[in-house]
Amino acid sequence: MRITAVSYLNTLPFIYGIEQQVALPVSTVSTATASEAERRPAGSDIALSLRVPALCAADAIAGQTDIALVPTAAIPLIPGFPTAATKVATQTDTTDTSIAGTDGQPTPFTPHVITDYCIGAEGAVDTVVLLSDTPLDQVRKVYLDCHSRTSVQLVRVLAREHWHIAPYWVDFADCASTFATEGHAIATGEAMVAIGDKVFALRAAHPYAYCYDLAQEWANFTGGLPFVFAAWVACTPAGAAFAPRLNQALAYGVDHIAESITGTVNRSRNFDFDTAYRYLTQSIKFRLDAPKRQAMHLFWEKIISPG
């Protein structure tokens, strides 16, 4: 069973739950650069890969995983995924729902959202932000973090429909890490999208005059809707069949957040306990409830049919 998940702090409870439920040893996890051949089974039936969001999406789209924690904007790009936003947003099944067609033959498997869990926010999320020393109405250039299609699409939606600005967009492979390492700010009139754990380092390196939390801006734009940054998707029939077991593992991890901070073996780095606990219990909302499904539906509409 191939499972691909994001390697950031916000997935620690998920990874911890998988470790505890399937006895996943550290030697079984592939890194962001590991090839398919380097993945090794965990316990008897699990191979886990921890990757940046863009590579999680790439695994799902290329059919190189059975289950993936997929950035929301990339979910409709998975081959075979329903294109009707209403249908996919309300999908609640955790098993393969393929039924026989009119000719008596099984219908093709349809990738779909599974589990009761996601990476979500209800208001500010703290780690998906637009940073600048310039007010929004004066921003002329925005650097985009290519590690996250969802954040890129979200900031474009907000710029177009909420902030009413039309900046020049610049794809920058790792602008946040570059600026954090070099310890200087971006120029006047510029802004950058920063995601994940590196946001903490960026804000420590420079006191940006303006920090726009994209999840909070989405809530302001939509009248209070939450936002879903990533959801679990079954990419194969085997993945769909495994969904109940995965759901149980995720539930265990979310119920043991404190233990996940200190006890997760497979992690990208160590974290200050107080900072991590506050972030995982206050900023990240893990339950994929009805309002979050509604928010996914609306976001898909915005990026599939802009305007």
C-alpha atoms as a PDB file:
ATOM      1  CA  MET A   1       0.000   0.000   0.000  1.00  0.00           C
ATOM      2  CA  ARG A   2       1.692   3.194  -1.230  1.00  0.00           C
ATOM      3  CA  ILE A   3       0.827   6.287   0.819  1.00  0.00           C
ATOM      4  CA  THR A   4       2.167   9.748   0.010  1.00  0.00           C
ATOM      5  CA  ALA A   5       1.901  12.569   2.551  1.00  0.00           C
ATOM      6  CA  VAL A   6       3.187  16.102   3.017  1.00  0.00           C
ATOM      7  CA  SER A   7       6.410  16.437   4.991  1.00  0.00           C
ATOM      8  CA  TYR A   8       5.477  19.593   6.953  1.00  0.00           C
ATOM      9  CA  LEU A   9       4.747  20.125  10.640  1.00  0.00           C
ATOM     10  CA  ASN A  10       1.002  20.129   9.982  1.00  0.00           C
ATOM     11  CA  THR A  11       1.026  16.400   9.144  1.00  0.00           C
ATOM     12  CA  LEU A  12       2.790  15.217  12.318  1.00  0.00           C
ATOM     13  CA  PRO A  13      -0.431  13.851  13.868  1.00  0.00           C
ATOM     14  CA  PHE A  14      -1.232  11.989  10.636  1.00  0.00           C
ATOM     15  CA  ILE A  15       2.235  10.453  10.382  1.00  0.00           C
ATOM     16  CA  TYR A  16       2.248   9.565  14.068  1.00  0.00           C
ATOM     17  CA  GLY A  17      -1.115   7.851  13.727  1.00  0.00           C
ATOM     18  CA  ILE A  18       0.098   5.836  10.747  1.00  0.00           C
ATOM     19  CA  GLU A  19       3.253   4.872  12.638  1.00  0.00           C
ATOM     20  CA  GLN A  20       1.278   3.734  15.667  1.00  0.00           C
ATOM     21  CA  GLN A  21      -1.414   1.890  13.767  1.00  0.00           C
ATOM     22  CA  VAL A  22       0.771   0.083  11.244  1.00  0.00           C
ATOM     23  CA  ALA A  23       4.066  -0.082  13.191  1.00  0.00           C
ATOM     24  CA  LEU A  24       5.907   2.015  10.607  1.00  0.00           C
ATOM     25  CA  PRO A  25       9.698   2.039  11.176  1.00  0.00           C
ATOM     26  CA  VAL A  26      11.889   4.961  10.164  1.00  0.00           C
ATOM     27  CA  SER A  27      13.770   2.987   7.535  1.00  0.00           C
ATOM     28  CA  THR A  28      10.680   2.580   5.388  1.00  0.00           C
ATOM     29  CA  VAL A  29      10.063   6.217   4.568  1.00  0.00           C
ATOM     30  CA  SER A  30      11.318   7.636   1.294  1.00  0.00           C
ATOM     31  CA  THR A  31      12.490  11.241   1.111  1.00  0.00           C
ATOM     32  CA  ALA A  32      11.297  13.938  -1.258  1.00  0.00           C
ATOM     33  CA  THR A  33      13.877  12.799  -3.808  1.00  0.00           C
ATOM     34  CA  ALA A  34      13.441   9.057  -3.424  1.00  0.00           C
ATOM     35  CA  SER A  35      12.440   7.130  -6.511  1.00  0.00           C
ATOM     36  CA  GLU A  36       9.645   4.599  -6.683  1.00  0.00           C
ATOM     37  CA  ALA A  37      12.207   1.793  -6.533  1.00  0.00           C
ATOM     38  CA  GLU A  38      13.565   3.103  -3.230  1.00  0.00           C
ATOM     39  CA  ARG A  39      10.257   2.757  -1.408  1.00  0.00           C
ATOM     40  CA  ARG A  40      10.266  -0.141   0.996  1.00  0.00           C
ATOM     41  CA  PRO A  41       7.302  -1.756   2.750  1.00  0.00           C
ATOM     42  CA  ALA A  42       6.527  -0.700   6.314  1.00  0.00           C
ATOM     43  CA  GLY A  43       5.602  -3.593   8.520  1.00  0.00           C
ATOM     44  CA  SER A  44       4.026  -5.970   6.035  1.00  0.00           C
ATOM     45  CA  ASP A  45       2.016  -3.758   3.722  1.00  0.00           C
ATOM     46  CA  ILE A  46       2.788  -0.012   3.893  1.00  0.00           C
ATOM     47  CA  ALA A  47       5.225   2.188   1.983  1.00  0.00           C
ATOM     48  CA  LEU A  48       5.116   5.839   3.078  1.00  0.00           C
ATOM     49  CA  SER A  49       6.638   8.755   1.184  1.00  0.00           C
ATOM     50  CA  LEU A  50       6.950  12.225   2.726  1.00  0.00           C
ATOM     51  CA  ARG A  51       7.171  14.965   0.116  1.00  0.00           C
ATOM     52  CA  VAL A  52       6.492  18.659  -0.477  1.00  0.00           C
ATOM     53  CA  PRO A  53       2.866  19.340  -1.555  1.00  0.00           C
ATOM     54  CA  ALA A  54       3.681  19.682  -5.253  1.00  0.00           C
ATOM     55  CA  LEU A  55       5.326  16.245  -5.303  1.00  0.00           C
ATOM     56  CA  CYS A  56       2.417  14.680  -3.421  1.00  0.00           C
ATOM     57  CA  ALA A  57       0.197  15.990  -6.200  1.00  0.00           C
ATOM     58  CA  ALA A  58       2.606  14.711  -8.844  1.00  0.00           C
ATOM     59  CA  ASP A  59       2.519  11.196  -7.338  1.00  0.00           C
ATOM     60  CA  ALA A  60      -1.283  11.167  -7.395  1.00  0.00           C
ATOM     61  CA  ILE A  61      -1.545  12.554 -10.925  1.00  0.00           C
ATOM     62  CA  ALA A  62       1.067  10.128 -12.269  1.00  0.00           C
ATOM     63  CA  GLY A  63      -0.570   7.119 -10.612  1.00  0.00           C
ATOM     64  CA  GLN A  64       2.485   6.393  -8.486  1.00  0.00           C
ATOM     65  CA  THR A  65       0.624   6.040  -5.202  1.00  0.00           C
ATOM     66  CA  ASP A  66      -2.513   4.343  -3.879  1.00  0.00           C
ATOM     67  CA  ILE A  67      -3.410   7.098  -1.416  1.00  0.00           C
ATOM     68  CA  ALA A  68      -2.133  10.664  -1.270  1.00  0.00           C
ATOM     69  CA  LEU A  69      -2.629  13.748   0.832  1.00  0.00           C
ATOM     70  CA  VAL A  70      -3.250  15.960  -2.198  1.00  0.00           C
ATOM     71  CA  PRO A  71      -3.226  19.788  -2.282  1.00  0.00           C
ATOM     72  CA  THR A  72      -6.807  20.871  -2.913  1.00  0.00           C
ATOM     73  CA  ALA A  73      -6.087  22.690  -6.173  1.00  0.00           C
ATOM     74  CA  ALA A  74      -4.480  19.559  -7.640  1.00  0.00           C
ATOM     75  CA  ILE A  75      -7.273  17.118  -6.769  1.00  0.00           C
ATOM     76  CA  PRO A  76      -9.317  17.806  -9.953  1.00  0.00           C
ATOM     77  CA  LEU A  77      -6.174  17.107 -12.020  1.00  0.00           C
ATOM     78  CA  ILE A  78      -5.999  13.452 -10.969  1.00  0.00           C
ATOM     79  CA  PRO A  79      -6.952  11.347 -14.016  1.00  0.00           C
ATOM     80  CA  GLY A  80     -10.482  10.012 -13.670  1.00  0.00           C
ATOM     81  CA  PHE A  81     -11.435  12.361 -10.852  1.00  0.00           C
ATOM     82  CA  PRO A  82     -14.987  13.729 -11.359  1.00  0.00           C
ATOM     83  CA  THR A  83     -14.950  17.188 -12.867  1.00  0.00           C
ATOM     84  CA  ALA A  84     -18.284  18.223 -11.345  1.00  0.00           C
ATOM     85  CA  ALA A  85     -17.303  20.192  -8.252  1.00  0.00           C
ATOM     86  CA  THR A  86     -20.607  19.515  -6.549  1.00  0.00           C
ATOM     87  CA  LYS A  87     -20.149  15.759  -6.806  1.00  0.00           C
ATOM     88  CA  VAL A  88     -16.572  15.645  -5.562  1.00  0.00           C
ATOM     89  CA  ALA A  89     -17.159  18.134  -2.778  1.00  0.00           C
ATOM     90  CA  THR A  90     -19.894  16.017  -1.261  1.00  0.00           C
ATOM     91  CA  GLN A  91     -18.159  12.645  -1.662  1.00  0.00           C
ATOM     92  CA  THR A  92     -18.129  11.014   1.773  1.00  0.00           C
ATOM     93  CA  ASP A  93     -17.470   7.376   0.997  1.00  0.00           C
ATOM     94  CA  THR A  94     -14.393   5.695   2.490  1.00  0.00           C
ATOM     95  CA  THR A  95     -14.536   2.622   0.266  1.00  0.00           C
ATOM     96  CA  ASP A  96     -14.580   1.899  -3.450  1.00  0.00           C
ATOM     97  CA  THR A  97     -18.119   2.654  -4.607  1.00  0.00           C
ATOM     98  CA  SER A  98     -17.790   1.254  -8.122  1.00  0.00           C
ATOM     99  CA  ILE A  99     -20.992  -0.491  -9.208  1.00  0.00           C
ATOM    100  CA  ALA A 100     -21.938  -2.592 -12.170  1.00  0.00           C
ATOM    101  CA  GLY A 101     -22.870  -0.702 -15.290  1.00  0.00           C
ATOM    102  CA  THR A 102     -25.853  -1.419 -17.525  1.00  0.00           C
ATOM    103  CA  ASP A 103     -23.893  -4.160 -19.274  1.00  0.00           C
ATOM    104  CA  GLY A 104     -23.163  -5.893 -16.000  1.00  0.00           C
ATOM    105  CA  GLN A 105     -19.485  -4.938 -16.050  1.00  0.00           C
ATOM    106  CA  PRO A 106     -17.915  -2.911 -13.212  1.00  0.00           C
ATOM    107  CA  THR A 107     -17.570   0.787 -13.926  1.00  0.00           C
ATOM    108  CA  PRO A 108     -14.001   2.165 -13.982  1.00  0.00           C
ATOM    109  CA  PHE A 109     -12.596   3.147 -10.632  1.00  0.00           C
ATOM    110  CA  THR A 110     -13.086   6.815  -9.813  1.00  0.00           C
ATOM    111  CA  PRO A 111     -10.488   8.497  -7.594  1.00  0.00           C
ATOM    112  CA  HIS A 112     -12.233  10.252  -4.724  1.00  0.00           C
ATOM    113  CA  VAL A 113     -11.733  12.050  -1.430  1.00  0.00           C
ATOM    114  CA  ILE A 114     -11.594   9.660   1.519  1.00  0.00           C
ATOM    115  CA  THR A 115     -11.293   9.842   5.332  1.00  0.00           C
ATOM    116  CA  ASP A 116     -12.796  12.313   7.774  1.00  0.00           C
ATOM    117  CA  TYR A 117      -9.566  14.310   7.946  1.00  0.00           C
ATOM    118  CA  CYS A 118      -7.730  17.025   6.041  1.00  0.00           C
ATOM    119  CA  ILE A 119      -5.282  19.882   6.462  1.00  0.00           C
ATOM    120  CA  GLY A 120      -7.672  22.755   7.028  1.00  0.00           C
ATOM    121  CA  ALA A 121      -8.108  26.099   8.734  1.00  0.00           C
ATOM    122  CA  GLU A 122     -10.987  28.003  10.259  1.00  0.00           C
ATOM    123  CA  GLY A 123      -9.574  31.507  10.086  1.00  0.00           C
ATOM    124  CA  ALA A 124      -5.846  32.186  10.263  1.00  0.00           C
ATOM    125  CA  VAL A 125      -3.530  29.244   9.545  1.00  0.00           C
ATOM    126  CA  ASP A 126      -0.189  31.047  10.175  1.00  0.00           C
ATOM    127  CA  THR A 127       1.848  29.083   7.617  1.00  0.00           C
ATOM    128  CA  VAL A 128       0.301  30.144   4.293  1.00  0.00           C
ATOM    129  CA  VAL A 129       0.912  33.856   3.965  1.00  0.00           C
ATOM    130  CA  LEU A 130       1.632  36.751   1.656  1.00  0.00           C
ATOM    131  CA  LEU A 131       4.571  38.761   3.021  1.00  0.00           C
ATOM    132  CA  SER A 132       5.470  42.303   2.032  1.00  0.00           C
ATOM    133  CA  ASP A 133       6.738  45.643   3.230  1.00  0.00           C
ATOM    134  CA  THR A 134       4.243  47.299   0.880  1.00  0.00           C
ATOM    135  CA  PRO A 135       0.462  47.731   1.331  1.00  0.00           C
ATOM    136  CA  LEU A 136      -1.628  45.454  -0.878  1.00  0.00           C
ATOM    137  CA  ASP A 137      -2.919  48.208  -3.135  1.00  0.00           C
ATOM    138  CA  GLN A 138       0.661  49.135  -3.997  1.00  0.00           C
ATOM    139  CA  VAL A 139       1.982  45.624  -4.664  1.00  0.00           C
ATOM    140  CA  ARG A 140       3.072  45.286  -8.292  1.00  0.00           C
ATOM    141  CA  LYS A 141       4.950  41.959  -8.249  1.00  0.00           C
ATOM    142  CA  VAL A 142       4.274  38.719  -6.350  1.00  0.00           C
ATOM    143  CA  TYR A 143       6.704  35.798  -6.054  1.00  0.00           C
ATOM    144  CA  LEU A 144       4.921  32.443  -6.006  1.00  0.00           C
ATOM    145  CA  ASP A 145       6.083  29.328  -4.160  1.00  0.00           C
ATOM    146  CA  CYS A 146       5.938  26.473  -6.667  1.00  0.00           C
ATOM    147  CA  HIS A 147       5.890  23.893  -3.850  1.00  0.00           C
ATOM    148  CA  SER A 148       2.136  24.464  -3.439  1.00  0.00           C
ATOM    149  CA  ARG A 149      -0.332  24.741  -6.314  1.00  0.00           C
ATOM    150  CA  THR A 150      -3.140  25.399  -3.821  1.00  0.00           C
ATOM    151  CA  SER A 151      -1.485  28.454  -2.276  1.00  0.00           C
ATOM    152  CA  VAL A 152      -0.680  29.818  -5.730  1.00  0.00           C
ATOM    153  CA  GLN A 153      -4.263  29.379  -6.901  1.00  0.00           C
ATOM    154  CA  LEU A 154      -5.653  30.772  -3.650  1.00  0.00           C
ATOM    155  CA  VAL A 155      -3.610  33.977  -3.808  1.00  0.00           C
ATOM    156  CA  ARG A 156      -4.668  34.454  -7.436  1.00  0.00           C
ATOM    157  CA  VAL A 157      -8.350  34.089  -6.502  1.00  0.00           C
ATOM    158  CA  LEU A 158      -7.960  36.548  -3.627  1.00  0.00           C
ATOM    159  CA  ALA A 159      -6.092  39.056  -5.805  1.00  0.00           C
ATOM    160  CA  ARG A 160      -8.704  38.898  -8.534  1.00  0.00           C
ATOM    161  CA  GLU A 161     -11.918  38.773  -6.526  1.00  0.00           C
ATOM    162  CA  HIS A 162     -11.147  40.041  -3.030  1.00  0.00           C
ATOM    163  CA  TRP A 163      -8.224  42.472  -3.121  1.00  0.00           C
ATOM    164  CA  HIS A 164      -8.877  43.634  -6.700  1.00  0.00           C
ATOM    165  CA  ILE A 165      -5.243  43.900  -7.676  1.00  0.00           C
ATOM    166  CA  ALA A 166      -3.477  42.582 -10.778  1.00  0.00           C
ATOM    167  CA  PRO A 167       0.211  42.097  -9.928  1.00  0.00           C
ATOM    168  CA  TYR A 168       2.877  40.547 -12.119  1.00  0.00           C
ATOM    169  CA  TRP A 169       3.235  36.922 -11.022  1.00  0.00           C
ATOM    170  CA  VAL A 170       6.713  35.414 -10.793  1.00  0.00           C
ATOM    171  CA  ASP A 171       7.306  31.690 -10.343  1.00  0.00           C
ATOM    172  CA  PHE A 172      10.210  31.265  -7.925  1.00  0.00           C
ATOM    173  CA  ALA A 173      11.340  27.739  -7.135  1.00  0.00           C
ATOM    174  CA  ASP A 174      12.131  28.467  -3.482  1.00  0.00           C
ATOM    175  CA  CYS A 175      11.895  32.189  -2.887  1.00  0.00           C
ATOM    176  CA  ALA A 176      11.001  31.844   0.793  1.00  0.00           C
ATOM    177  CA  SER A 177      14.054  29.771   1.652  1.00  0.00           C
ATOM    178  CA  THR A 178      16.264  32.064  -0.412  1.00  0.00           C
ATOM    179  CA  PHE A 179      15.120  35.190   1.389  1.00  0.00           C
ATOM    180  CA  ALA A 180      15.241  33.515   4.798  1.00  0.00           C
ATOM    181  CA  THR A 181      18.790  32.254   4.208  1.00  0.00           C
ATOM    182  CA  GLU A 182      20.070  35.540   2.838  1.00  0.00           C
ATOM    183  CA  GLY A 183      18.360  37.433   5.626  1.00  0.00           C
ATOM    184  CA  HIS A 184      16.996  40.349   3.628  1.00  0.00           C
ATOM    185  CA  ALA A 185      13.552  41.484   2.564  1.00  0.00           C
ATOM    186  CA  ILE A 186      11.974  41.772  -0.825  1.00  0.00           C
ATOM    187  CA  ALA A 187      11.915  45.124  -2.610  1.00  0.00           C
ATOM    188  CA  THR A 188       9.355  47.878  -2.271  1.00  0.00           C
ATOM    189  CA  GLY A 189       6.287  47.080  -4.341  1.00  0.00           C
ATOM    190  CA  GLU A 190       6.896  43.339  -4.131  1.00  0.00           C
ATOM    191  CA  ALA A 191       5.359  40.526  -2.100  1.00  0.00           C
ATOM    192  CA  MET A 192       5.867  36.783  -1.841  1.00  0.00           C
ATOM    193  CA  VAL A 193       3.775  33.766  -0.995  1.00  0.00           C
ATOM    194  CA  ALA A 194       5.379  31.621   1.711  1.00  0.00           C
ATOM    195  CA  ILE A 195       4.096  28.262   2.900  1.00  0.00           C
ATOM    196  CA  GLY A 196       4.915  25.629   5.459  1.00  0.00           C
ATOM    197  CA  ASP A 197       7.503  25.518   8.210  1.00  0.00           C
ATOM    198  CA  LYS A 198       9.775  28.065   6.498  1.00  0.00           C
ATOM    199  CA  VAL A 199       7.279  30.847   7.312  1.00  0.00           C
ATOM    200  CA  PHE A 200       8.553  30.777  10.895  1.00  0.00           C
ATOM    201  CA  ALA A 201      12.154  31.320   9.739  1.00  0.00           C
ATOM    202  CA  LEU A 202      11.173  34.027   7.280  1.00  0.00           C
ATOM    203  CA  ARG A 203       9.335  36.114   9.841  1.00  0.00           C
ATOM    204  CA  ALA A 204      12.155  35.644  12.337  1.00  0.00           C
ATOM    205  CA  ALA A 205      14.705  36.853   9.762  1.00  0.00           C
ATOM    206  CA  HIS A 206      12.792  40.011   8.871  1.00  0.00           C
ATOM    207  CA  PRO A 207       9.854  41.840  10.543  1.00  0.00           C
ATOM    208  CA  TYR A 208       7.642  42.257   7.483  1.00  0.00           C
ATOM    209  CA  ALA A 209       5.336  45.241   7.710  1.00  0.00           C
ATOM    210  CA  TYR A 210       2.465  43.274   6.182  1.00  0.00           C
ATOM    211  CA  CYS A 211       1.596  39.617   6.623  1.00  0.00           C
ATOM    212  CA  TYR A 212      -1.644  38.551   4.978  1.00  0.00           C
ATOM    213  CA  ASP A 213      -2.790  35.129   6.159  1.00  0.00           C
ATOM    214  CA  LEU A 214      -4.388  33.545   3.096  1.00  0.00           C
ATOM    215  CA  ALA A 215      -6.789  31.331   5.057  1.00  0.00           C
ATOM    216  CA  GLN A 216      -8.030  34.341   7.021  1.00  0.00           C
ATOM    217  CA  GLU A 217      -8.335  36.381   3.821  1.00  0.00           C
ATOM    218  CA  TRP A 218     -10.378  33.528   2.294  1.00  0.00           C
ATOM    219  CA  ALA A 219     -12.681  33.584   5.335  1.00  0.00           C
ATOM    220  CA  ASN A 220     -13.059  37.360   4.971  1.00  0.00           C
ATOM    221  CA  PHE A 221     -13.819  36.939   1.263  1.00  0.00           C
ATOM    222  CA  THR A 222     -16.366  34.114   1.660  1.00  0.00           C
ATOM    223  CA  GLY A 223     -18.210  35.352   4.732  1.00  0.00           C
ATOM    224  CA  GLY A 224     -16.512  33.005   7.155  1.00  0.00           C
ATOM    225  CA  LEU A 225     -15.933  29.749   5.290  1.00  0.00           C
ATOM    226  CA  PRO A 226     -13.007  27.574   6.392  1.00  0.00           C
ATOM    227  CA  PHE A 227     -10.360  26.481   3.904  1.00  0.00           C
ATOM    228  CA  VAL A 228      -8.981  23.055   2.999  1.00  0.00           C
ATOM    229  CA  PHE A 229      -5.350  22.986   1.913  1.00  0.00           C
ATOM    230  CA  ALA A 230      -5.093  19.239   1.339  1.00  0.00           C
ATOM    231  CA  ALA A 231      -7.309  16.175   1.539  1.00  0.00           C
ATOM    232  CA  TRP A 232      -6.745  12.434   1.368  1.00  0.00           C
ATOM    233  CA  VAL A 233      -7.555  10.888  -2.009  1.00  0.00           C
ATOM    234  CA  ALA A 234      -7.818   7.241  -2.995  1.00  0.00           C
ATOM    235  CA  CYS A 235      -6.064   6.943  -6.354  1.00  0.00           C
ATOM    236  CA  THR A 236      -6.587   3.193  -6.836  1.00  0.00           C
ATOM    237  CA  PRO A 237      -9.177   0.604  -5.799  1.00  0.00           C
ATOM    238  CA  ALA A 238      -6.645  -0.743  -3.294  1.00  0.00           C
ATOM    239  CA  GLY A 239      -6.345   2.723  -1.798  1.00  0.00           C
ATOM    240  CA  ALA A 240     -10.119   3.024  -1.478  1.00  0.00           C
ATOM    241  CA  ALA A 241     -10.309  -0.363   0.242  1.00  0.00           C
ATOM    242  CA  PHE A 242      -7.615   0.744   2.707  1.00  0.00           C
ATOM    243  CA  ALA A 243      -9.503   3.952   3.601  1.00  0.00           C
ATOM    244  CA  PRO A 244     -11.197   2.698   6.794  1.00  0.00           C
ATOM    245  CA  ARG A 245      -7.851   1.573   8.209  1.00  0.00           C
ATOM    246  CA  LEU A 246      -6.247   4.886   7.289  1.00  0.00           C
ATOM    247  CA  ASN A 247      -9.152   6.800   8.815  1.00  0.00           C
ATOM    248  CA  GLN A 248      -8.628   4.941  12.082  1.00  0.00           C
ATOM    249  CA  ALA A 249      -4.916   5.754  12.053  1.00  0.00           C
ATOM    250  CA  LEU A 250      -5.538   9.446  11.358  1.00  0.00           C
ATOM    251  CA  ALA A 251      -8.112   9.623  14.146  1.00  0.00           C
ATOM    252  CA  TYR A 252      -5.590   8.162  16.566  1.00  0.00           C
ATOM    253  CA  GLY A 253      -2.969  10.726  15.576  1.00  0.00           C
ATOM    254  CA  VAL A 254      -5.330  13.696  15.843  1.00  0.00           C
ATOM    255  CA  ASP A 255      -6.380  12.472  19.292  1.00  0.00           C
ATOM    256  CA  HIS A 256      -2.709  12.347  20.379  1.00  0.00           C
ATOM    257  CA  ILE A 257      -1.268  15.633  19.133  1.00  0.00           C
ATOM    258  CA  ALA A 258       1.093  16.146  22.062  1.00  0.00           C
ATOM    259  CA  GLU A 259       2.554  12.674  21.603  1.00  0.00           C
ATOM    260  CA  SER A 260       2.918  13.261  17.869  1.00  0.00           C
ATOM    261  CA  ILE A 261       5.225  16.240  18.469  1.00  0.00           C
ATOM    262  CA  THR A 262       7.629  14.271  20.627  1.00  0.00           C
ATOM    263  CA  GLY A 263       7.087  10.758  19.336  1.00  0.00           C
ATOM    264  CA  THR A 264       6.804  10.868  15.541  1.00  0.00           C
ATOM    265  CA  VAL A 265       9.804   9.061  14.098  1.00  0.00           C
ATOM    266  CA  ASN A 266       9.383  10.072  10.458  1.00  0.00           C
ATOM    267  CA  ARG A 267       9.595  13.867  10.433  1.00  0.00           C
ATOM    268  CA  SER A 268      11.279  16.621   8.447  1.00  0.00           C
ATOM    269  CA  ARG A 269      12.874  18.213  11.521  1.00  0.00           C
ATOM    270  CA  ASN A 270      12.416  18.811  15.248  1.00  0.00           C
ATOM    271  CA  PHE A 271      10.070  21.496  16.526  1.00  0.00           C
ATOM    272  CA  ASP A 272       9.747  23.613  19.633  1.00  0.00           C
ATOM    273  CA  PHE A 273       7.010  21.831  21.573  1.00  0.00           C
ATOM    274  CA  ASP A 274       5.002  24.888  22.652  1.00  0.00           C
ATOM    275  CA  THR A 275       5.045  26.421  19.172  1.00  0.00           C
ATOM    276  CA  ALA A 276       4.134  23.147  17.512  1.00  0.00           C
ATOM    277  CA  TYR A 277       1.367  22.310  19.978  1.00  0.00           C
ATOM    278  CA  ARG A 278      -0.212  25.748  19.672  1.00  0.00           C
ATOM    279  CA  TYR A 279      -0.050  25.528  15.869  1.00  0.00           C
ATOM    280  CA  LEU A 280      -1.492  22.006  15.644  1.00  0.00           C
ATOM    281  CA  THR A 281      -4.295  22.615  18.138  1.00  0.00           C
ATOM    282  CA  GLN A 282      -5.260  26.174  17.233  1.00  0.00           C
ATOM    283  CA  SER A 283      -4.218  26.951  13.648  1.00  0.00           C
ATOM    284  CA  ILE A 284      -4.738  23.609  11.899  1.00  0.00           C
ATOM    285  CA  LYS A 285      -8.230  22.094  11.832  1.00  0.00           C
ATOM    286  CA  PHE A 286      -8.098  18.436  10.887  1.00  0.00           C
ATOM    287  CA  ARG A 287     -11.771  17.453  10.599  1.00  0.00           C
ATOM    288  CA  LEU A 288     -13.139  17.364   7.059  1.00  0.00           C
ATOM    289  CA  ASP A 289     -16.629  18.461   8.035  1.00  0.00           C
ATOM    290  CA  ALA A 290     -19.505  19.829   5.947  1.00  0.00           C
ATOM    291  CA  PRO A 291     -18.355  23.481   5.936  1.00  0.00           C
ATOM    292  CA  LYS A 292     -14.892  22.427   4.727  1.00  0.00           C
ATOM    293  CA  ARG A 293     -16.432  20.325   1.964  1.00  0.00           C
ATOM    294  CA  GLN A 294     -18.499  23.344   0.973  1.00  0.00           C
ATOM    295  CA  ALA A 295     -15.327  25.450   0.934  1.00  0.00           C
ATOM    296  CA  MET A 296     -13.578  22.905  -1.316  1.00  0.00           C
ATOM    297  CA  HIS A 297     -16.553  23.032  -3.672  1.00  0.00           C
ATOM    298  CA  LEU A 298     -16.382  26.830  -3.882  1.00  0.00           C
ATOM    299  CA  PHE A 299     -12.604  26.884  -4.316  1.00  0.00           C
ATOM    300  CA  TRP A 300     -12.796  24.370  -7.165  1.00  0.00           C
ATOM    301  CA  GLU A 301     -15.419  26.539  -8.831  1.00  0.00           C
ATOM    302  CA  LYS A 302     -13.175  29.578  -8.527  1.00  0.00           C
ATOM    303  CA  ILE A 303     -10.139  27.914 -10.082  1.00  0.00           C
ATOM    304  CA  ILE A 304     -11.950  25.870 -12.724  1.00  0.00           C
ATOM    305  CA  SER A 305     -14.283  28.670 -13.842  1.00  0.00           C
ATOM    306  CA  PRO A 306     -12.683  31.970 -12.730  1.00  0.00           C
ATOM    307  CA  GLY A 307     -14.830  35.050 -12.397  1.00  0.00           C
END
